[in-house]
Amino acid sequence: REYMGAKEIVVFELFATEDVLRRRMIKRGDSVEQATERVEHDRKAFSAFWVPKEIPHHVIDTRDMSVKDVANEIYNLVNQV
């Protein structure tokens, strides 16, 4: 609604398996039940996710990456555009 200009949109999809996501949530303090509910919710919520081909799209497999590694990867990809 408030967007003006000719800025390029770049989409970053951060991927990890459901098992990795569940373990990360438990490690940060969520209960097993909360983590399982979140994974199930997200599976449904993002099942129809798609990005139009004309939008630059980067998929980053975060399974074996730290938060800092992911941030650096995004930073590097943004600076390539």
C-alpha atoms as a PDB file:
ATOM      1  CA  ARG A   1       0.000   0.000   0.000  1.00  0.00           C
ATOM      2  CA  GLU A   2       2.808   2.399   0.800  1.00  0.00           C
ATOM      3  CA  TYR A   3       5.409   0.977  -1.542  1.00  0.00           C
ATOM      4  CA  MET A   4       6.721   3.396  -4.117  1.00  0.00           C
ATOM      5  CA  GLY A   5       9.665   3.045  -6.435  1.00  0.00           C
ATOM      6  CA  ALA A   6      11.337   0.472  -8.583  1.00  0.00           C
ATOM      7  CA  LYS A   7      12.941  -1.707  -5.939  1.00  0.00           C
ATOM      8  CA  GLU A   8      13.630  -5.304  -6.761  1.00  0.00           C
ATOM      9  CA  ILE A   9      11.979  -7.966  -4.635  1.00  0.00           C
ATOM     10  CA  VAL A  10      14.149 -10.919  -3.675  1.00  0.00           C
ATOM     11  CA  VAL A  11      12.659 -13.903  -1.860  1.00  0.00           C
ATOM     12  CA  PHE A  12      14.709 -16.091   0.463  1.00  0.00           C
ATOM     13  CA  GLU A  13      13.301 -19.475   1.407  1.00  0.00           C
ATOM     14  CA  LEU A  14      14.992 -20.933   4.465  1.00  0.00           C
ATOM     15  CA  PHE A  15      14.748 -24.710   4.420  1.00  0.00           C
ATOM     16  CA  ALA A  16      15.206 -27.274   7.176  1.00  0.00           C
ATOM     17  CA  THR A  17      13.540 -30.612   7.765  1.00  0.00           C
ATOM     18  CA  GLU A  18      10.646 -30.793  10.199  1.00  0.00           C
ATOM     19  CA  ASP A  19      12.815 -32.830  12.572  1.00  0.00           C
ATOM     20  CA  VAL A  20      15.507 -30.132  12.591  1.00  0.00           C
ATOM     21  CA  LEU A  21      12.895 -27.415  13.138  1.00  0.00           C
ATOM     22  CA  ARG A  22      11.323 -29.358  16.014  1.00  0.00           C
ATOM     23  CA  ARG A  23      14.737 -29.883  17.686  1.00  0.00           C
ATOM     24  CA  ARG A  24      15.591 -26.184  17.338  1.00  0.00           C
ATOM     25  CA  MET A  25      12.317 -25.146  18.953  1.00  0.00           C
ATOM     26  CA  ILE A  26      12.835 -27.554  21.855  1.00  0.00           C
ATOM     27  CA  LYS A  27      16.421 -26.312  22.266  1.00  0.00           C
ATOM     28  CA  ARG A  28      15.167 -22.704  22.549  1.00  0.00           C
ATOM     29  CA  GLY A  29      12.726 -23.725  25.294  1.00  0.00           C
ATOM     30  CA  ASP A  30       9.488 -24.779  23.587  1.00  0.00           C
ATOM     31  CA  SER A  31       7.862 -27.944  24.901  1.00  0.00           C
ATOM     32  CA  VAL A  32       7.743 -31.030  22.695  1.00  0.00           C
ATOM     33  CA  GLU A  33       3.997 -30.475  22.327  1.00  0.00           C
ATOM     34  CA  GLN A  34       4.421 -26.816  21.319  1.00  0.00           C
ATOM     35  CA  ALA A  35       7.114 -27.692  18.798  1.00  0.00           C
ATOM     36  CA  THR A  36       5.024 -30.481  17.282  1.00  0.00           C
ATOM     37  CA  GLU A  37       1.956 -28.228  17.020  1.00  0.00           C
ATOM     38  CA  ARG A  38       4.031 -25.498  15.343  1.00  0.00           C
ATOM     39  CA  VAL A  39       5.508 -27.910  12.789  1.00  0.00           C
ATOM     40  CA  GLU A  40       2.045 -29.257  11.964  1.00  0.00           C
ATOM     41  CA  HIS A  41       0.637 -25.728  11.675  1.00  0.00           C
ATOM     42  CA  ASP A  42       3.462 -24.585   9.397  1.00  0.00           C
ATOM     43  CA  ARG A  43       3.133 -27.676   7.185  1.00  0.00           C
ATOM     44  CA  LYS A  44      -0.450 -26.652   6.434  1.00  0.00           C
ATOM     45  CA  ALA A  45       0.157 -22.893   6.314  1.00  0.00           C
ATOM     46  CA  PHE A  46       3.016 -23.118   3.825  1.00  0.00           C
ATOM     47  CA  SER A  47       1.776 -26.027   1.705  1.00  0.00           C
ATOM     48  CA  ALA A  48       0.629 -23.714  -1.088  1.00  0.00           C
ATOM     49  CA  PHE A  49       3.645 -21.388  -0.955  1.00  0.00           C
ATOM     50  CA  TRP A  50       5.059 -20.453  -4.324  1.00  0.00           C
ATOM     51  CA  VAL A  51       7.116 -17.627  -5.767  1.00  0.00           C
ATOM     52  CA  PRO A  52       6.475 -16.244  -9.269  1.00  0.00           C
ATOM     53  CA  LYS A  53       9.333 -17.072 -11.641  1.00  0.00           C
ATOM     54  CA  GLU A  54      10.018 -13.411 -12.364  1.00  0.00           C
ATOM     55  CA  ILE A  55      10.999 -12.768  -8.735  1.00  0.00           C
ATOM     56  CA  PRO A  56      14.580 -13.738  -7.850  1.00  0.00           C
ATOM     57  CA  HIS A  57      14.323 -16.617  -5.463  1.00  0.00           C
ATOM     58  CA  HIS A  58      17.004 -18.208  -3.296  1.00  0.00           C
ATOM     59  CA  VAL A  59      16.551 -21.405  -1.318  1.00  0.00           C
ATOM     60  CA  ILE A  60      18.967 -21.762   1.590  1.00  0.00           C
ATOM     61  CA  ASP A  61      19.302 -25.171   3.233  1.00  0.00           C
ATOM     62  CA  THR A  62      19.812 -24.220   6.884  1.00  0.00           C
ATOM     63  CA  ARG A  63      19.965 -27.735   8.341  1.00  0.00           C
ATOM     64  CA  ASP A  64      23.664 -27.517   9.207  1.00  0.00           C
ATOM     65  CA  MET A  65      23.992 -23.750   9.514  1.00  0.00           C
ATOM     66  CA  SER A  66      24.153 -21.418  12.491  1.00  0.00           C
ATOM     67  CA  VAL A  67      22.062 -18.261  12.600  1.00  0.00           C
ATOM     68  CA  LYS A  68      25.221 -16.279  11.823  1.00  0.00           C
ATOM     69  CA  ASP A  69      25.964 -18.503   8.797  1.00  0.00           C
ATOM     70  CA  VAL A  70      22.428 -17.979   7.470  1.00  0.00           C
ATOM     71  CA  ALA A  71      22.701 -14.210   7.945  1.00  0.00           C
ATOM     72  CA  ASN A  72      26.048 -14.168   6.108  1.00  0.00           C
ATOM     73  CA  GLU A  73      24.596 -16.242   3.242  1.00  0.00           C
ATOM     74  CA  ILE A  74      21.657 -13.856   2.857  1.00  0.00           C
ATOM     75  CA  TYR A  75      23.986 -10.852   3.036  1.00  0.00           C
ATOM     76  CA  ASN A  76      26.215 -12.311   0.320  1.00  0.00           C
ATOM     77  CA  LEU A  77      23.267 -13.127  -1.935  1.00  0.00           C
ATOM     78  CA  VAL A  78      21.752  -9.652  -1.518  1.00  0.00           C
ATOM     79  CA  ASN A  79      25.053  -8.056  -2.473  1.00  0.00           C
ATOM     80  CA  GLN A  80      25.172 -10.133  -5.675  1.00  0.00           C
ATOM     81  CA  VAL A  81      21.911  -8.597  -6.931  1.00  0.00           C
END
